[in-house]
Amino acid sequence: MIGKLTTHVLDISIGKPASGVLVELVRVSRDKKIEHIQTSYTNEDGRLNRPLLEGDNMKKGIYELHFYIGDYYRNRGTSAEDPSFLDCVPVRFGISEPASHYHVPLLISPGGYSTYRGS
């Protein structure tokens, strides 16, 4: 099995995938230094067009996904607050088995979010 890291964003306030969300992946070193790995946007299905990490790029460690939800809602014209309650949603997680599939979905609404390890 070739390991990979994927994500998708679902806007539960409208019951549809969230397209156009800026997603940034960073690695957090043991001394808390941040290394930028990749930036991408979600497609019409709320997913990225390719995995964030896969194969030899999958390494054990601590990572963060930054989801720019405030920009998404401003671009849709649905953010009534300035600034938005949610701006950048960080999800910190660990990869302990680089040969496995790690899927980190994000469910959003203007007032909250949730995440889990998907399949």
N, C-alpha and C. Protein backbone atom coordinates (compact mmCIF):
# COMPACT_ATOMS: atom_id res chain seq x y z
N MET A 1 0.84 -1.19 0.00
CA MET A 1 0.00 0.00 0.00
C MET A 1 0.88 1.24 0.00
N ILE A 2 0.56 2.18 -0.85
CA ILE A 2 1.28 3.45 -0.89
C ILE A 2 0.51 4.45 -0.04
N GLY A 3 1.22 5.03 0.93
CA GLY A 3 0.57 5.99 1.81
C GLY A 3 0.25 7.29 1.12
N LYS A 4 -0.81 7.95 1.61
CA LYS A 4 -1.17 9.26 1.07
C LYS A 4 -1.98 10.05 2.09
N LEU A 5 -1.98 11.36 1.90
CA LEU A 5 -2.74 12.28 2.74
C LEU A 5 -3.71 13.03 1.83
N THR A 6 -5.01 12.94 2.15
CA THR A 6 -6.04 13.62 1.39
C THR A 6 -6.96 14.39 2.33
N THR A 7 -7.76 15.29 1.76
CA THR A 7 -8.72 16.05 2.54
C THR A 7 -9.90 16.41 1.66
N HIS A 8 -10.96 16.82 2.27
CA HIS A 8 -12.06 17.47 1.56
C HIS A 8 -12.82 18.33 2.56
N VAL A 9 -13.55 19.30 2.01
CA VAL A 9 -14.29 20.26 2.84
C VAL A 9 -15.75 20.23 2.41
N LEU A 10 -16.64 20.03 3.38
CA LEU A 10 -18.08 20.04 3.14
C LEU A 10 -18.70 21.19 3.91
N ASP A 11 -19.49 22.01 3.22
CA ASP A 11 -20.18 23.13 3.85
C ASP A 11 -21.56 22.63 4.28
N ILE A 12 -21.69 22.30 5.56
CA ILE A 12 -22.95 21.73 6.04
C ILE A 12 -24.06 22.77 6.14
N SER A 13 -23.70 24.06 6.04
CA SER A 13 -24.74 25.09 6.08
C SER A 13 -25.55 25.12 4.78
N ILE A 14 -24.98 24.59 3.69
CA ILE A 14 -25.71 24.51 2.43
C ILE A 14 -25.83 23.07 1.92
N GLY A 15 -25.23 22.14 2.64
CA GLY A 15 -25.32 20.74 2.27
C GLY A 15 -24.57 20.38 1.00
N LYS A 16 -23.44 21.08 0.74
CA LYS A 16 -22.69 20.86 -0.49
C LYS A 16 -21.19 20.92 -0.22
N PRO A 17 -20.40 20.38 -1.16
CA PRO A 17 -18.94 20.54 -1.04
C PRO A 17 -18.57 22.02 -1.08
N ALA A 18 -17.49 22.36 -0.40
CA ALA A 18 -17.00 23.74 -0.38
C ALA A 18 -15.88 23.87 -1.40
N SER A 19 -16.18 24.51 -2.52
CA SER A 19 -15.16 24.69 -3.55
C SER A 19 -14.47 26.03 -3.38
N GLY A 20 -13.20 26.06 -3.78
CA GLY A 20 -12.43 27.30 -3.70
C GLY A 20 -11.85 27.61 -2.34
N VAL A 21 -11.78 26.62 -1.44
CA VAL A 21 -11.18 26.84 -0.12
C VAL A 21 -9.67 26.69 -0.24
N LEU A 22 -8.93 27.69 0.22
CA LEU A 22 -7.48 27.63 0.26
C LEU A 22 -7.08 26.69 1.39
N VAL A 23 -6.24 25.68 1.06
CA VAL A 23 -5.78 24.70 2.03
C VAL A 23 -4.25 24.71 2.01
N GLU A 24 -3.65 24.86 3.18
CA GLU A 24 -2.20 24.89 3.30
C GLU A 24 -1.76 23.74 4.20
N LEU A 25 -0.72 23.03 3.79
CA LEU A 25 -0.15 21.95 4.60
C LEU A 25 1.22 22.38 5.09
N VAL A 26 1.45 22.23 6.41
CA VAL A 26 2.75 22.51 7.00
C VAL A 26 3.16 21.34 7.88
N ARG A 27 4.45 21.19 8.07
CA ARG A 27 5.00 20.19 8.99
C ARG A 27 5.52 20.94 10.20
N VAL A 28 5.28 20.38 11.40
CA VAL A 28 5.72 20.98 12.65
C VAL A 28 6.86 20.13 13.20
N SER A 29 8.04 20.73 13.32
CA SER A 29 9.20 19.97 13.80
C SER A 29 9.14 19.83 15.33
N ARG A 30 10.02 19.00 15.85
CA ARG A 30 10.05 18.78 17.31
C ARG A 30 10.28 20.06 18.09
N ASP A 31 11.03 20.98 17.50
CA ASP A 31 11.27 22.26 18.19
C ASP A 31 10.25 23.34 17.79
N LYS A 32 9.10 22.88 17.24
CA LYS A 32 7.94 23.72 16.91
C LYS A 32 8.16 24.66 15.73
N LYS A 33 9.18 24.41 14.92
CA LYS A 33 9.37 25.21 13.71
C LYS A 33 8.41 24.70 12.65
N ILE A 34 7.92 25.63 11.84
CA ILE A 34 6.93 25.32 10.81
C ILE A 34 7.61 25.29 9.44
N GLU A 35 7.37 24.21 8.69
CA GLU A 35 7.89 24.08 7.34
C GLU A 35 6.69 24.01 6.38
N HIS A 36 6.59 24.98 5.49
CA HIS A 36 5.51 24.98 4.51
C HIS A 36 5.76 23.87 3.50
N ILE A 37 4.74 23.07 3.22
CA ILE A 37 4.87 21.97 2.27
C ILE A 37 4.10 22.24 0.99
N GLN A 38 2.84 22.64 1.11
CA GLN A 38 2.02 22.81 -0.09
C GLN A 38 0.82 23.70 0.19
N THR A 39 0.39 24.40 -0.85
CA THR A 39 -0.84 25.18 -0.82
C THR A 39 -1.67 24.79 -2.03
N SER A 40 -2.98 24.63 -1.83
CA SER A 40 -3.86 24.24 -2.93
C SER A 40 -5.26 24.76 -2.64
N TYR A 41 -6.15 24.64 -3.62
CA TYR A 41 -7.56 25.02 -3.46
C TYR A 41 -8.44 23.81 -3.70
N THR A 42 -9.56 23.75 -2.98
CA THR A 42 -10.51 22.67 -3.21
C THR A 42 -11.21 22.87 -4.55
N ASN A 43 -11.55 21.75 -5.19
CA ASN A 43 -12.24 21.79 -6.49
C ASN A 43 -13.75 21.81 -6.27
N GLU A 44 -14.52 21.61 -7.33
CA GLU A 44 -15.98 21.65 -7.25
C GLU A 44 -16.57 20.59 -6.33
N ASP A 45 -15.80 19.52 -6.10
CA ASP A 45 -16.24 18.45 -5.22
C ASP A 45 -15.74 18.65 -3.79
N GLY A 46 -15.12 19.80 -3.51
CA GLY A 46 -14.60 20.08 -2.17
C GLY A 46 -13.31 19.33 -1.86
N ARG A 47 -12.72 18.71 -2.87
CA ARG A 47 -11.49 17.93 -2.69
C ARG A 47 -10.35 18.61 -3.43
N LEU A 48 -9.13 18.15 -3.17
CA LEU A 48 -7.97 18.62 -3.91
C LEU A 48 -7.78 17.71 -5.12
N ASN A 49 -7.20 18.23 -6.16
CA ASN A 49 -7.02 17.44 -7.38
C ASN A 49 -5.98 16.33 -7.25
N ARG A 50 -5.15 16.40 -6.22
CA ARG A 50 -4.17 15.35 -5.97
C ARG A 50 -3.89 15.29 -4.47
N PRO A 51 -3.33 14.18 -4.00
CA PRO A 51 -3.02 14.08 -2.57
C PRO A 51 -2.04 15.17 -2.13
N LEU A 52 -2.16 15.57 -0.89
CA LEU A 52 -1.22 16.54 -0.32
C LEU A 52 0.17 15.91 -0.14
N LEU A 53 0.18 14.65 0.25
CA LEU A 53 1.41 13.87 0.38
C LEU A 53 1.12 12.49 -0.15
N GLU A 54 2.14 11.84 -0.70
CA GLU A 54 1.99 10.44 -1.08
C GLU A 54 3.37 9.82 -1.30
N GLY A 55 3.40 8.49 -1.22
CA GLY A 55 4.63 7.74 -1.48
C GLY A 55 5.77 8.15 -0.56
N ASP A 56 6.91 8.44 -1.15
CA ASP A 56 8.11 8.78 -0.38
C ASP A 56 7.99 10.10 0.38
N ASN A 57 7.04 10.95 0.00
CA ASN A 57 6.84 12.21 0.71
C ASN A 57 6.07 12.03 2.02
N MET A 58 5.45 10.88 2.20
CA MET A 58 4.75 10.58 3.47
C MET A 58 5.79 10.20 4.50
N LYS A 59 5.92 11.02 5.52
CA LYS A 59 6.89 10.77 6.59
C LYS A 59 6.20 10.89 7.94
N LYS A 60 6.69 10.11 8.91
CA LYS A 60 6.17 10.26 10.27
C LYS A 60 6.37 11.69 10.73
N GLY A 61 5.43 12.16 11.52
CA GLY A 61 5.58 13.50 12.07
C GLY A 61 4.26 14.16 12.38
N ILE A 62 4.39 15.40 12.81
CA ILE A 62 3.24 16.24 13.16
C ILE A 62 3.04 17.23 12.01
N TYR A 63 1.79 17.35 11.58
CA TYR A 63 1.42 18.22 10.47
C TYR A 63 0.24 19.08 10.87
N GLU A 64 0.04 20.14 10.11
CA GLU A 64 -1.16 20.96 10.26
C GLU A 64 -1.72 21.26 8.88
N LEU A 65 -3.03 21.19 8.79
CA LEU A 65 -3.75 21.69 7.63
C LEU A 65 -4.40 23.00 8.05
N HIS A 66 -4.21 24.04 7.27
CA HIS A 66 -4.85 25.34 7.52
C HIS A 66 -5.91 25.53 6.44
N PHE A 67 -7.14 25.64 6.88
CA PHE A 67 -8.27 25.83 5.98
C PHE A 67 -8.74 27.29 6.12
N TYR A 68 -8.69 28.05 5.04
CA TYR A 68 -9.04 29.47 5.08
C TYR A 68 -10.53 29.65 4.82
N ILE A 69 -11.29 29.38 5.88
CA ILE A 69 -12.75 29.36 5.82
C ILE A 69 -13.34 30.78 5.75
N GLY A 70 -12.71 31.73 6.42
CA GLY A 70 -13.21 33.11 6.37
C GLY A 70 -13.23 33.64 4.95
N ASP A 71 -12.16 33.39 4.19
CA ASP A 71 -12.11 33.82 2.79
C ASP A 71 -13.20 33.13 1.97
N TYR A 72 -13.41 31.84 2.24
CA TYR A 72 -14.44 31.08 1.52
C TYR A 72 -15.81 31.74 1.70
N TYR A 73 -16.18 32.05 2.95
CA TYR A 73 -17.50 32.64 3.18
C TYR A 73 -17.58 34.08 2.67
N ARG A 74 -16.49 34.84 2.76
CA ARG A 74 -16.50 36.20 2.20
C ARG A 74 -16.69 36.14 0.68
N ASN A 75 -15.99 35.21 0.02
CA ASN A 75 -16.10 35.07 -1.43
C ASN A 75 -17.51 34.65 -1.86
N ARG A 76 -18.20 33.90 -1.01
CA ARG A 76 -19.58 33.48 -1.29
C ARG A 76 -20.57 34.60 -0.97
N GLY A 77 -20.11 35.61 -0.24
CA GLY A 77 -21.00 36.70 0.15
C GLY A 77 -21.92 36.32 1.29
N THR A 78 -21.52 35.31 2.09
CA THR A 78 -22.38 34.84 3.17
C THR A 78 -21.83 35.17 4.55
N SER A 79 -20.73 35.92 4.63
CA SER A 79 -20.19 36.28 5.93
C SER A 79 -20.78 37.61 6.36
N ALA A 80 -21.62 37.59 7.38
CA ALA A 80 -22.27 38.80 7.86
C ALA A 80 -21.41 39.54 8.88
N GLU A 81 -20.41 38.85 9.42
CA GLU A 81 -19.56 39.46 10.45
C GLU A 81 -18.25 39.94 9.83
N ASP A 82 -17.69 41.01 10.42
CA ASP A 82 -16.39 41.50 10.00
C ASP A 82 -15.60 41.85 11.25
N PRO A 83 -14.63 41.06 11.62
CA PRO A 83 -14.15 39.86 10.92
C PRO A 83 -15.07 38.66 11.15
N SER A 84 -14.92 37.67 10.30
CA SER A 84 -15.70 36.43 10.42
C SER A 84 -15.35 35.73 11.73
N PHE A 85 -16.32 35.03 12.29
CA PHE A 85 -16.06 34.25 13.51
C PHE A 85 -14.94 33.24 13.26
N LEU A 86 -15.02 32.48 12.16
CA LEU A 86 -13.95 31.57 11.78
C LEU A 86 -13.17 32.17 10.63
N ASP A 87 -11.86 32.21 10.76
CA ASP A 87 -11.02 32.72 9.69
C ASP A 87 -10.19 31.57 9.14
N CYS A 88 -9.11 31.24 9.81
CA CYS A 88 -8.29 30.10 9.42
C CYS A 88 -8.50 28.99 10.44
N VAL A 89 -8.94 27.82 9.99
CA VAL A 89 -9.14 26.68 10.87
C VAL A 89 -7.92 25.77 10.77
N PRO A 90 -7.12 25.67 11.85
CA PRO A 90 -5.97 24.77 11.83
C PRO A 90 -6.35 23.40 12.38
N VAL A 91 -5.89 22.36 11.71
CA VAL A 91 -6.11 21.00 12.21
C VAL A 91 -4.73 20.36 12.33
N ARG A 92 -4.30 20.12 13.57
CA ARG A 92 -2.99 19.50 13.82
C ARG A 92 -3.20 18.01 14.03
N PHE A 93 -2.40 17.20 13.37
CA PHE A 93 -2.54 15.75 13.45
C PHE A 93 -1.17 15.10 13.25
N GLY A 94 -1.10 13.83 13.62
CA GLY A 94 0.14 13.09 13.48
C GLY A 94 0.03 11.98 12.45
N ILE A 95 1.11 11.75 11.74
CA ILE A 95 1.23 10.60 10.85
C ILE A 95 2.22 9.64 11.49
N SER A 96 1.72 8.48 11.90
CA SER A 96 2.57 7.48 12.54
C SER A 96 2.85 6.29 11.64
N GLU A 97 2.01 6.11 10.62
CA GLU A 97 2.16 4.99 9.69
C GLU A 97 2.18 5.54 8.26
N PRO A 98 3.36 5.92 7.75
CA PRO A 98 3.44 6.56 6.43
C PRO A 98 2.92 5.72 5.27
N ALA A 99 2.78 4.43 5.45
CA ALA A 99 2.26 3.58 4.37
C ALA A 99 0.73 3.56 4.34
N SER A 100 0.08 4.23 5.29
CA SER A 100 -1.38 4.24 5.38
C SER A 100 -1.98 5.45 4.68
N HIS A 101 -3.30 5.37 4.47
CA HIS A 101 -4.05 6.50 3.91
C HIS A 101 -4.58 7.33 5.08
N TYR A 102 -4.21 8.59 5.12
CA TYR A 102 -4.73 9.53 6.10
C TYR A 102 -5.66 10.49 5.35
N HIS A 103 -6.93 10.50 5.75
CA HIS A 103 -7.91 11.39 5.15
C HIS A 103 -8.43 12.30 6.25
N VAL A 104 -8.30 13.62 6.07
CA VAL A 104 -8.68 14.59 7.09
C VAL A 104 -9.77 15.50 6.51
N PRO A 105 -11.04 15.10 6.64
CA PRO A 105 -12.13 15.94 6.15
C PRO A 105 -12.47 17.05 7.15
N LEU A 106 -13.03 18.12 6.63
CA LEU A 106 -13.47 19.23 7.46
C LEU A 106 -14.91 19.55 7.10
N LEU A 107 -15.78 19.56 8.11
CA LEU A 107 -17.19 19.95 7.96
C LEU A 107 -17.31 21.36 8.52
N ILE A 108 -17.83 22.29 7.71
CA ILE A 108 -17.85 23.70 8.14
C ILE A 108 -19.24 24.30 8.07
N SER A 109 -19.41 25.34 8.86
CA SER A 109 -20.54 26.26 8.77
C SER A 109 -19.98 27.60 9.26
N PRO A 110 -20.69 28.70 9.06
CA PRO A 110 -20.14 30.00 9.49
C PRO A 110 -19.82 30.06 10.99
N GLY A 111 -20.49 29.23 11.79
CA GLY A 111 -20.29 29.32 13.24
C GLY A 111 -19.58 28.14 13.88
N GLY A 112 -19.10 27.18 13.11
CA GLY A 112 -18.42 26.04 13.71
C GLY A 112 -17.87 25.08 12.68
N TYR A 113 -17.13 24.09 13.18
CA TYR A 113 -16.55 23.08 12.30
C TYR A 113 -16.29 21.81 13.09
N SER A 114 -16.08 20.71 12.36
CA SER A 114 -15.64 19.46 12.98
C SER A 114 -14.77 18.72 11.99
N THR A 115 -13.97 17.81 12.51
CA THR A 115 -13.07 17.01 11.70
C THR A 115 -12.93 15.64 12.33
N TYR A 116 -12.38 14.73 11.58
CA TYR A 116 -12.16 13.36 12.06
C TYR A 116 -11.17 12.70 11.11
N ARG A 117 -10.69 11.53 11.47
CA ARG A 117 -9.85 10.77 10.54
C ARG A 117 -10.78 9.89 9.71
N GLY A 118 -10.88 10.22 8.44
CA GLY A 118 -11.74 9.49 7.53
C GLY A 118 -11.02 8.35 6.86
N SER A 119 -11.66 7.79 5.86
CA SER A 119 -11.06 6.66 5.13
C SER A 119 -10.98 6.97 3.65
